[in-house]
């Protein structure tokens, strides 16, 4: 499985430093969450990893090669991205939308057995099978978010990058999506998520990169990074950390 890494990435946007010497080697088979307050640099780092932003210094690398230099289809097969502001500007049915995730493999619309199977798995994983024939314009906001995630899943990338994939989802579907992302990692792919909810991050993450002002506050195993002192340093809030009767960690802000 390929290795994705940030190597001393620096990025300035609009005269503001948004990333400053950010390094981390992401590991396949694990879920990594990018955490930090608004403006910490989470989405910008994800964009660099997906080759949507070109760092001023440093690089995002895939198996040691700068992602900016990779052939486009090869990069799309390796790295699948669900952006925060993803949308659909034409009315197609859900199955067709999800099938577009197979384009990096075929270079055109394809209906091979492998494509159909991948689309079916992605629809099932996001609880969208029953809506496969529905037009995208007739979906609710949460249903549309799940359809767009299914499109990325259908591509079966080595690395799945998602910016706020739980936005617009009700609690039940949030947990369903997190479970699916854990399944993706369990099958050997790397999963990198931008999240705002510390509790859900604690539930899903194997590793955490904690950012503040474009710099890494701490990075590593979730249990080592998601501590009260480090969270206070990154967010400026006090938290209570514990476990539910089922054994899930929880993190609750309790004051400033």
C-alpha atoms as a PDB file:
ATOM      1  CA  UNK A   1       0.000   0.000   0.000  1.00  0.00           C
ATOM      2  CA  UNK A   2       1.247   3.497  -0.848  1.00  0.00           C
ATOM      3  CA  UNK A   3       2.573   5.948   1.747  1.00  0.00           C
ATOM      4  CA  UNK A   4       1.256   9.523   1.837  1.00  0.00           C
ATOM      5  CA  UNK A   5       3.220  12.191   3.675  1.00  0.00           C
ATOM      6  CA  UNK A   6       3.458  15.909   4.343  1.00  0.00           C
ATOM      7  CA  UNK A   7       7.089  16.990   4.166  1.00  0.00           C
ATOM      8  CA  UNK A   8       7.739  20.413   5.737  1.00  0.00           C
ATOM      9  CA  UNK A   9       4.758  21.968   3.951  1.00  0.00           C
ATOM     10  CA  UNK A  10       4.452  25.762   4.055  1.00  0.00           C
ATOM     11  CA  UNK A  11       1.565  27.670   2.454  1.00  0.00           C
ATOM     12  CA  UNK A  12       0.503  31.318   2.419  1.00  0.00           C
ATOM     13  CA  UNK A  13      -2.925  32.462   1.222  1.00  0.00           C
ATOM     14  CA  UNK A  14      -3.929  36.108   0.882  1.00  0.00           C
ATOM     15  CA  UNK A  15      -0.781  37.183   2.683  1.00  0.00           C
ATOM     16  CA  UNK A  16      -1.557  34.964   5.684  1.00  0.00           C
ATOM     17  CA  UNK A  17       0.516  31.967   6.710  1.00  0.00           C
ATOM     18  CA  UNK A  18      -1.905  29.036   6.812  1.00  0.00           C
ATOM     19  CA  UNK A  19       0.628  26.181   7.020  1.00  0.00           C
ATOM     20  CA  UNK A  20       4.080  26.483   8.530  1.00  0.00           C
ATOM     21  CA  UNK A  21       6.560  23.588   8.324  1.00  0.00           C
ATOM     22  CA  UNK A  22       3.948  20.834   8.623  1.00  0.00           C
ATOM     23  CA  UNK A  23       5.277  17.271   8.475  1.00  0.00           C
ATOM     24  CA  UNK A  24       3.596  13.948   9.143  1.00  0.00           C
ATOM     25  CA  UNK A  25       3.775  10.468   7.598  1.00  0.00           C
ATOM     26  CA  UNK A  26       0.250   9.098   7.277  1.00  0.00           C
ATOM     27  CA  UNK A  27      -0.049   5.352   7.627  1.00  0.00           C
ATOM     28  CA  UNK A  28      -2.213   3.087   5.461  1.00  0.00           C
ATOM     29  CA  UNK A  29      -4.710   0.943   7.287  1.00  0.00           C
ATOM     30  CA  UNK A  30      -5.407   3.705   9.806  1.00  0.00           C
ATOM     31  CA  UNK A  31      -7.824   6.588  10.235  1.00  0.00           C
ATOM     32  CA  UNK A  32      -6.098   9.923  10.817  1.00  0.00           C
ATOM     33  CA  UNK A  33      -8.054  13.011  11.809  1.00  0.00           C
ATOM     34  CA  UNK A  34      -6.858  16.575  11.255  1.00  0.00           C
ATOM     35  CA  UNK A  35      -8.054  18.664  14.202  1.00  0.00           C
ATOM     36  CA  UNK A  36      -7.788  22.263  15.314  1.00  0.00           C
ATOM     37  CA  UNK A  37      -9.800  25.432  15.741  1.00  0.00           C
ATOM     38  CA  UNK A  38     -11.201  27.386  12.797  1.00  0.00           C
ATOM     39  CA  UNK A  39      -8.321  28.687  10.674  1.00  0.00           C
ATOM     40  CA  UNK A  40      -5.837  26.158  12.041  1.00  0.00           C
ATOM     41  CA  UNK A  41      -4.970  24.926   8.530  1.00  0.00           C
ATOM     42  CA  UNK A  42      -6.839  21.612   8.414  1.00  0.00           C
ATOM     43  CA  UNK A  43      -8.568  22.048   5.048  1.00  0.00           C
ATOM     44  CA  UNK A  44      -5.470  23.648   3.540  1.00  0.00           C
ATOM     45  CA  UNK A  45      -3.352  20.667   4.551  1.00  0.00           C
ATOM     46  CA  UNK A  46      -5.917  18.286   3.079  1.00  0.00           C
ATOM     47  CA  UNK A  47      -5.902  20.302  -0.165  1.00  0.00           C
ATOM     48  CA  UNK A  48      -2.100  20.022  -0.368  1.00  0.00           C
ATOM     49  CA  UNK A  49      -2.263  16.268   0.177  1.00  0.00           C
ATOM     50  CA  UNK A  50      -4.836  16.023  -2.643  1.00  0.00           C
ATOM     51  CA  UNK A  51      -2.705  18.181  -4.992  1.00  0.00           C
ATOM     52  CA  UNK A  52      -5.320  20.942  -5.064  1.00  0.00           C
ATOM     53  CA  UNK A  53      -2.889  23.417  -3.496  1.00  0.00           C
ATOM     54  CA  UNK A  54       0.783  23.820  -4.340  1.00  0.00           C
ATOM     55  CA  UNK A  55       2.911  24.450  -1.238  1.00  0.00           C
ATOM     56  CA  UNK A  56       5.382  27.320  -1.345  1.00  0.00           C
ATOM     57  CA  UNK A  57       7.902  25.095   0.408  1.00  0.00           C
ATOM     58  CA  UNK A  58       7.969  21.406   1.067  1.00  0.00           C
ATOM     59  CA  UNK A  59       5.703  18.890  -0.614  1.00  0.00           C
ATOM     60  CA  UNK A  60       2.995  16.306  -0.218  1.00  0.00           C
ATOM     61  CA  UNK A  61       4.445  13.010  -1.374  1.00  0.00           C
ATOM     62  CA  UNK A  62       3.078   9.630  -2.391  1.00  0.00           C
ATOM     63  CA  UNK A  63       5.687   6.907  -2.059  1.00  0.00           C
ATOM     64  CA  UNK A  64       8.296   9.672  -2.077  1.00  0.00           C
ATOM     65  CA  UNK A  65       7.059  11.350  -5.279  1.00  0.00           C
ATOM     66  CA  UNK A  66       5.587  14.854  -5.194  1.00  0.00           C
ATOM     67  CA  UNK A  67       1.829  14.435  -5.729  1.00  0.00           C
ATOM     68  CA  UNK A  68       1.921  17.430  -8.087  1.00  0.00           C
ATOM     69  CA  UNK A  69       4.103  15.466 -10.525  1.00  0.00           C
ATOM     70  CA  UNK A  70       1.943  12.348 -10.729  1.00  0.00           C
ATOM     71  CA  UNK A  71      -0.070  11.539 -13.842  1.00  0.00           C
ATOM     72  CA  UNK A  72      -3.618  12.731 -13.207  1.00  0.00           C
ATOM     73  CA  UNK A  73      -5.487   9.444 -13.558  1.00  0.00           C
ATOM     74  CA  UNK A  74      -2.903   7.550 -11.530  1.00  0.00           C
ATOM     75  CA  UNK A  75      -3.205  10.157  -8.791  1.00  0.00           C
ATOM     76  CA  UNK A  76      -7.019   9.951  -8.891  1.00  0.00           C
ATOM     77  CA  UNK A  77      -6.858   6.167  -8.489  1.00  0.00           C
ATOM     78  CA  UNK A  78      -4.554   6.557  -5.496  1.00  0.00           C
ATOM     79  CA  UNK A  79      -6.185   9.548  -3.773  1.00  0.00           C
ATOM     80  CA  UNK A  80      -9.931  10.071  -3.527  1.00  0.00           C
ATOM     81  CA  UNK A  81     -11.176  13.401  -2.161  1.00  0.00           C
ATOM     82  CA  UNK A  82     -14.515  14.442  -0.705  1.00  0.00           C
ATOM     83  CA  UNK A  83     -14.269  18.259  -0.449  1.00  0.00           C
ATOM     84  CA  UNK A  84     -16.180  20.264   2.111  1.00  0.00           C
ATOM     85  CA  UNK A  85     -18.198  22.212  -0.463  1.00  0.00           C
ATOM     86  CA  UNK A  86     -18.892  19.293  -2.795  1.00  0.00           C
ATOM     87  CA  UNK A  87     -21.991  19.722  -4.932  1.00  0.00           C
ATOM     88  CA  UNK A  88     -23.658  18.442  -8.083  1.00  0.00           C
ATOM     89  CA  UNK A  89     -24.638  20.894 -10.789  1.00  0.00           C
ATOM     90  CA  UNK A  90     -26.722  18.619 -12.988  1.00  0.00           C
ATOM     91  CA  UNK A  91     -29.681  16.347 -12.262  1.00  0.00           C
ATOM     92  CA  UNK A  92     -28.604  12.734 -12.640  1.00  0.00           C
ATOM     93  CA  UNK A  93     -29.689   9.731 -10.640  1.00  0.00           C
ATOM     94  CA  UNK A  94     -27.709   8.614  -7.621  1.00  0.00           C
ATOM     95  CA  UNK A  95     -26.343   5.459  -9.245  1.00  0.00           C
ATOM     96  CA  UNK A  96     -24.972   7.465 -12.173  1.00  0.00           C
ATOM     97  CA  UNK A  97     -23.361   9.963  -9.803  1.00  0.00           C
ATOM     98  CA  UNK A  98     -21.726   7.197  -7.798  1.00  0.00           C
ATOM     99  CA  UNK A  99     -20.584   5.527 -11.010  1.00  0.00           C
ATOM    100  CA  UNK A 100     -18.555   8.634 -11.850  1.00  0.00           C
ATOM    101  CA  UNK A 101     -16.196   7.520  -9.103  1.00  0.00           C
ATOM    102  CA  UNK A 102     -15.047   4.747 -11.433  1.00  0.00           C
ATOM    103  CA  UNK A 103     -13.731   7.152 -14.097  1.00  0.00           C
ATOM    104  CA  UNK A 104     -10.099   7.058 -12.876  1.00  0.00           C
ATOM    105  CA  UNK A 105     -10.128   3.316 -13.583  1.00  0.00           C
ATOM    106  CA  UNK A 106     -11.714   3.338 -17.022  1.00  0.00           C
ATOM    107  CA  UNK A 107     -11.218   6.877 -18.328  1.00  0.00           C
ATOM    108  CA  UNK A 108     -14.831   6.841 -19.492  1.00  0.00           C
ATOM    109  CA  UNK A 109     -18.260   5.753 -18.324  1.00  0.00           C
ATOM    110  CA  UNK A 110     -17.973   1.992 -17.909  1.00  0.00           C
ATOM    111  CA  UNK A 111     -20.365  -0.782 -16.957  1.00  0.00           C
ATOM    112  CA  UNK A 112     -18.020  -3.689 -16.345  1.00  0.00           C
ATOM    113  CA  UNK A 113     -18.843  -6.205 -13.645  1.00  0.00           C
ATOM    114  CA  UNK A 114     -16.096  -4.708 -11.473  1.00  0.00           C
ATOM    115  CA  UNK A 115     -17.573  -1.220 -11.867  1.00  0.00           C
ATOM    116  CA  UNK A 116     -21.103  -2.368 -11.071  1.00  0.00           C
ATOM    117  CA  UNK A 117     -19.893  -4.267  -8.021  1.00  0.00           C
ATOM    118  CA  UNK A 118     -17.916  -1.276  -6.737  1.00  0.00           C
ATOM    119  CA  UNK A 119     -20.910   1.028  -7.180  1.00  0.00           C
ATOM    120  CA  UNK A 120     -23.194  -1.444  -5.393  1.00  0.00           C
ATOM    121  CA  UNK A 121     -20.764  -1.695  -2.468  1.00  0.00           C
ATOM    122  CA  UNK A 122     -20.502   2.077  -2.198  1.00  0.00           C
ATOM    123  CA  UNK A 123     -24.294   2.515  -2.266  1.00  0.00           C
ATOM    124  CA  UNK A 124     -24.744  -0.131   0.413  1.00  0.00           C
ATOM    125  CA  UNK A 125     -21.980   1.327   2.580  1.00  0.00           C
ATOM    126  CA  UNK A 126     -23.668   4.735   2.639  1.00  0.00           C
ATOM    127  CA  UNK A 127     -27.233   3.404   3.003  1.00  0.00           C
ATOM    128  CA  UNK A 128     -28.150   4.760  -0.436  1.00  0.00           C
ATOM    129  CA  UNK A 129     -29.139   1.571  -2.278  1.00  0.00           C
ATOM    130  CA  UNK A 130     -32.853   2.298  -1.975  1.00  0.00           C
ATOM    131  CA  UNK A 131     -32.271   5.773  -3.474  1.00  0.00           C
ATOM    132  CA  UNK A 132     -30.085   4.637  -6.385  1.00  0.00           C
ATOM    133  CA  UNK A 133     -32.690   5.603  -9.023  1.00  0.00           C
ATOM    134  CA  UNK A 134     -33.624   8.945  -7.447  1.00  0.00           C
ATOM    135  CA  UNK A 135     -32.480  12.191  -9.052  1.00  0.00           C
ATOM    136  CA  UNK A 136     -29.783  13.996  -7.095  1.00  0.00           C
ATOM    137  CA  UNK A 137     -31.848  17.206  -7.106  1.00  0.00           C
ATOM    138  CA  UNK A 138     -34.563  15.398  -5.130  1.00  0.00           C
ATOM    139  CA  UNK A 139     -32.255  14.389  -2.281  1.00  0.00           C
ATOM    140  CA  UNK A 140     -32.106  16.036   1.110  1.00  0.00           C
ATOM    141  CA  UNK A 141     -28.863  17.682   2.171  1.00  0.00           C
ATOM    142  CA  UNK A 142     -27.827  14.664   4.218  1.00  0.00           C
ATOM    143  CA  UNK A 143     -28.723  12.220   1.439  1.00  0.00           C
ATOM    144  CA  UNK A 144     -26.712  14.241  -1.038  1.00  0.00           C
ATOM    145  CA  UNK A 145     -23.706  14.187   1.313  1.00  0.00           C
ATOM    146  CA  UNK A 146     -23.944  10.406   1.516  1.00  0.00           C
ATOM    147  CA  UNK A 147     -24.249  10.093  -2.277  1.00  0.00           C
ATOM    148  CA  UNK A 148     -21.115  12.179  -2.759  1.00  0.00           C
ATOM    149  CA  UNK A 149     -19.250  10.042  -0.240  1.00  0.00           C
ATOM    150  CA  UNK A 150     -20.431   6.950  -2.120  1.00  0.00           C
ATOM    151  CA  UNK A 151     -18.945   8.389  -5.315  1.00  0.00           C
ATOM    152  CA  UNK A 152     -15.521   8.572  -3.642  1.00  0.00           C
ATOM    153  CA  UNK A 153     -15.895   5.097  -2.135  1.00  0.00           C
ATOM    154  CA  UNK A 154     -16.745   3.648  -5.550  1.00  0.00           C
ATOM    155  CA  UNK A 155     -13.299   4.653  -6.788  1.00  0.00           C
ATOM    156  CA  UNK A 156     -11.722   2.405  -4.144  1.00  0.00           C
ATOM    157  CA  UNK A 157      -8.706   4.712  -3.712  1.00  0.00           C
ATOM    158  CA  UNK A 158      -5.633   3.788  -1.708  1.00  0.00           C
ATOM    159  CA  UNK A 159      -6.197   7.010   0.228  1.00  0.00           C
ATOM    160  CA  UNK A 160      -9.579   8.492   1.081  1.00  0.00           C
ATOM    161  CA  UNK A 161      -9.460  12.171   2.080  1.00  0.00           C
ATOM    162  CA  UNK A 162     -12.612  13.848   3.371  1.00  0.00           C
ATOM    163  CA  UNK A 163     -13.216  17.388   4.595  1.00  0.00           C
ATOM    164  CA  UNK A 164     -16.029  17.414   7.158  1.00  0.00           C
ATOM    165  CA  UNK A 165     -17.746  14.263   5.835  1.00  0.00           C
ATOM    166  CA  UNK A 166     -20.247  14.253   8.716  1.00  0.00           C
ATOM    167  CA  UNK A 167     -21.723  17.694   7.998  1.00  0.00           C
ATOM    168  CA  UNK A 168     -25.471  17.593   7.283  1.00  0.00           C
ATOM    169  CA  UNK A 169     -25.771  14.039   8.599  1.00  0.00           C
ATOM    170  CA  UNK A 170     -28.054  13.042  11.465  1.00  0.00           C
ATOM    171  CA  UNK A 171     -26.432  11.210  14.420  1.00  0.00           C
ATOM    172  CA  UNK A 172     -27.366   7.741  13.169  1.00  0.00           C
ATOM    173  CA  UNK A 173     -25.799   8.326   9.756  1.00  0.00           C
ATOM    174  CA  UNK A 174     -22.779   9.994  11.335  1.00  0.00           C
ATOM    175  CA  UNK A 175     -22.080   6.770  13.200  1.00  0.00           C
ATOM    176  CA  UNK A 176     -22.796   4.710  10.080  1.00  0.00           C
ATOM    177  CA  UNK A 177     -20.322   6.754   8.014  1.00  0.00           C
ATOM    178  CA  UNK A 178     -17.670   6.529  10.720  1.00  0.00           C
ATOM    179  CA  UNK A 179     -18.131   2.758  10.834  1.00  0.00           C
ATOM    180  CA  UNK A 180     -17.746   2.583   7.052  1.00  0.00           C
ATOM    181  CA  UNK A 181     -14.586   4.691   7.145  1.00  0.00           C
ATOM    182  CA  UNK A 182     -13.173   2.376   9.785  1.00  0.00           C
ATOM    183  CA  UNK A 183     -14.000  -0.542   7.473  1.00  0.00           C
ATOM    184  CA  UNK A 184     -12.136   1.181   4.622  1.00  0.00           C
ATOM    185  CA  UNK A 185      -9.069   1.489   6.830  1.00  0.00           C
ATOM    186  CA  UNK A 186      -9.407  -2.091   8.056  1.00  0.00           C
ATOM    187  CA  UNK A 187      -9.171  -3.234   4.431  1.00  0.00           C
ATOM    188  CA  UNK A 188      -5.779  -1.522   4.142  1.00  0.00           C
ATOM    189  CA  UNK A 189      -6.519   1.936   2.727  1.00  0.00           C
ATOM    190  CA  UNK A 190      -5.515   5.131   4.474  1.00  0.00           C
ATOM    191  CA  UNK A 191      -8.278   7.482   5.633  1.00  0.00           C
ATOM    192  CA  UNK A 192      -7.644  11.157   6.452  1.00  0.00           C
ATOM    193  CA  UNK A 193     -10.513  13.226   7.830  1.00  0.00           C
ATOM    194  CA  UNK A 194     -10.995  16.859   8.760  1.00  0.00           C
ATOM    195  CA  UNK A 195     -13.374  16.932  11.720  1.00  0.00           C
ATOM    196  CA  UNK A 196     -14.596  19.548  14.168  1.00  0.00           C
ATOM    197  CA  UNK A 197     -16.310  17.267  16.669  1.00  0.00           C
ATOM    198  CA  UNK A 198     -13.706  16.122  19.198  1.00  0.00           C
ATOM    199  CA  UNK A 199     -15.985  13.403  20.538  1.00  0.00           C
ATOM    200  CA  UNK A 200     -16.454  11.819  17.107  1.00  0.00           C
ATOM    201  CA  UNK A 201     -12.746  12.225  16.378  1.00  0.00           C
ATOM    202  CA  UNK A 202     -11.926  10.321  19.550  1.00  0.00           C
ATOM    203  CA  UNK A 203     -14.318   7.609  18.472  1.00  0.00           C
ATOM    204  CA  UNK A 204     -12.907   7.060  14.979  1.00  0.00           C
ATOM    205  CA  UNK A 205      -9.233   8.122  14.962  1.00  0.00           C
ATOM    206  CA  UNK A 206      -6.199   5.905  15.193  1.00  0.00           C
ATOM    207  CA  UNK A 207      -3.908   8.908  14.708  1.00  0.00           C
ATOM    208  CA  UNK A 208      -4.399  12.655  15.094  1.00  0.00           C
ATOM    209  CA  UNK A 209      -2.623  15.699  13.694  1.00  0.00           C
ATOM    210  CA  UNK A 210      -3.507  18.624  15.984  1.00  0.00           C
ATOM    211  CA  UNK A 211      -2.961  22.042  14.410  1.00  0.00           C
ATOM    212  CA  UNK A 212      -2.939  25.608  15.668  1.00  0.00           C
ATOM    213  CA  UNK A 213      -2.190  28.613  13.501  1.00  0.00           C
ATOM    214  CA  UNK A 214      -0.819  26.437  10.717  1.00  0.00           C
ATOM    215  CA  UNK A 215       1.667  24.596  12.911  1.00  0.00           C
ATOM    216  CA  UNK A 216       1.561  21.124  14.401  1.00  0.00           C
ATOM    217  CA  UNK A 217       0.840  21.171  18.124  1.00  0.00           C
ATOM    218  CA  UNK A 218       1.108  17.400  18.377  1.00  0.00           C
ATOM    219  CA  UNK A 219       0.809  14.403  16.060  1.00  0.00           C
ATOM    220  CA  UNK A 220       0.676  10.682  16.656  1.00  0.00           C
ATOM    221  CA  UNK A 221      -1.551   8.075  18.231  1.00  0.00           C
ATOM    222  CA  UNK A 222      -4.962   9.455  19.201  1.00  0.00           C
ATOM    223  CA  UNK A 223      -4.582   8.454  22.843  1.00  0.00           C
ATOM    224  CA  UNK A 224      -1.354  10.439  23.081  1.00  0.00           C
ATOM    225  CA  UNK A 225      -2.608  13.559  21.284  1.00  0.00           C
ATOM    226  CA  UNK A 226      -6.190  13.873  22.527  1.00  0.00           C
ATOM    227  CA  UNK A 227      -5.282  14.930  26.040  1.00  0.00           C
ATOM    228  CA  UNK A 228      -6.714  17.808  28.048  1.00  0.00           C
ATOM    229  CA  UNK A 229      -3.496  19.906  28.022  1.00  0.00           C
ATOM    230  CA  UNK A 230      -2.931  19.557  24.266  1.00  0.00           C
ATOM    231  CA  UNK A 231      -6.571  20.248  23.450  1.00  0.00           C
ATOM    232  CA  UNK A 232      -6.427  23.340  25.657  1.00  0.00           C
ATOM    233  CA  UNK A 233      -3.317  24.504  23.794  1.00  0.00           C
ATOM    234  CA  UNK A 234      -4.944  24.030  20.388  1.00  0.00           C
ATOM    235  CA  UNK A 235      -8.493  25.179  21.135  1.00  0.00           C
ATOM    236  CA  UNK A 236      -8.257  27.317  24.241  1.00  0.00           C
ATOM    237  CA  UNK A 237     -10.901  25.267  26.062  1.00  0.00           C
ATOM    238  CA  UNK A 238     -10.974  22.894  28.988  1.00  0.00           C
ATOM    239  CA  UNK A 239     -12.390  19.451  28.327  1.00  0.00           C
ATOM    240  CA  UNK A 240     -13.536  16.437  30.228  1.00  0.00           C
ATOM    241  CA  UNK A 241     -12.299  13.119  28.848  1.00  0.00           C
ATOM    242  CA  UNK A 242     -13.768   9.760  29.771  1.00  0.00           C
ATOM    243  CA  UNK A 243     -15.326   6.570  28.480  1.00  0.00           C
ATOM    244  CA  UNK A 244     -18.901   5.497  27.928  1.00  0.00           C
ATOM    245  CA  UNK A 245     -20.164   2.219  29.440  1.00  0.00           C
ATOM    246  CA  UNK A 246     -19.564   0.678  25.991  1.00  0.00           C
ATOM    247  CA  UNK A 247     -15.918   1.703  26.154  1.00  0.00           C
ATOM    248  CA  UNK A 248     -15.958   4.598  23.664  1.00  0.00           C
ATOM    249  CA  UNK A 249     -13.872   7.643  24.576  1.00  0.00           C
ATOM    250  CA  UNK A 250     -15.695  10.938  24.861  1.00  0.00           C
ATOM    251  CA  UNK A 251     -14.391  14.501  24.942  1.00  0.00           C
ATOM    252  CA  UNK A 252     -16.677  17.269  26.186  1.00  0.00           C
ATOM    253  CA  UNK A 253     -15.786  20.979  26.301  1.00  0.00           C
ATOM    254  CA  UNK A 254     -16.558  22.254  29.782  1.00  0.00           C
ATOM    255  CA  UNK A 255     -15.148  25.779  29.923  1.00  0.00           C
ATOM    256  CA  UNK A 256     -12.550  28.300  28.851  1.00  0.00           C
END
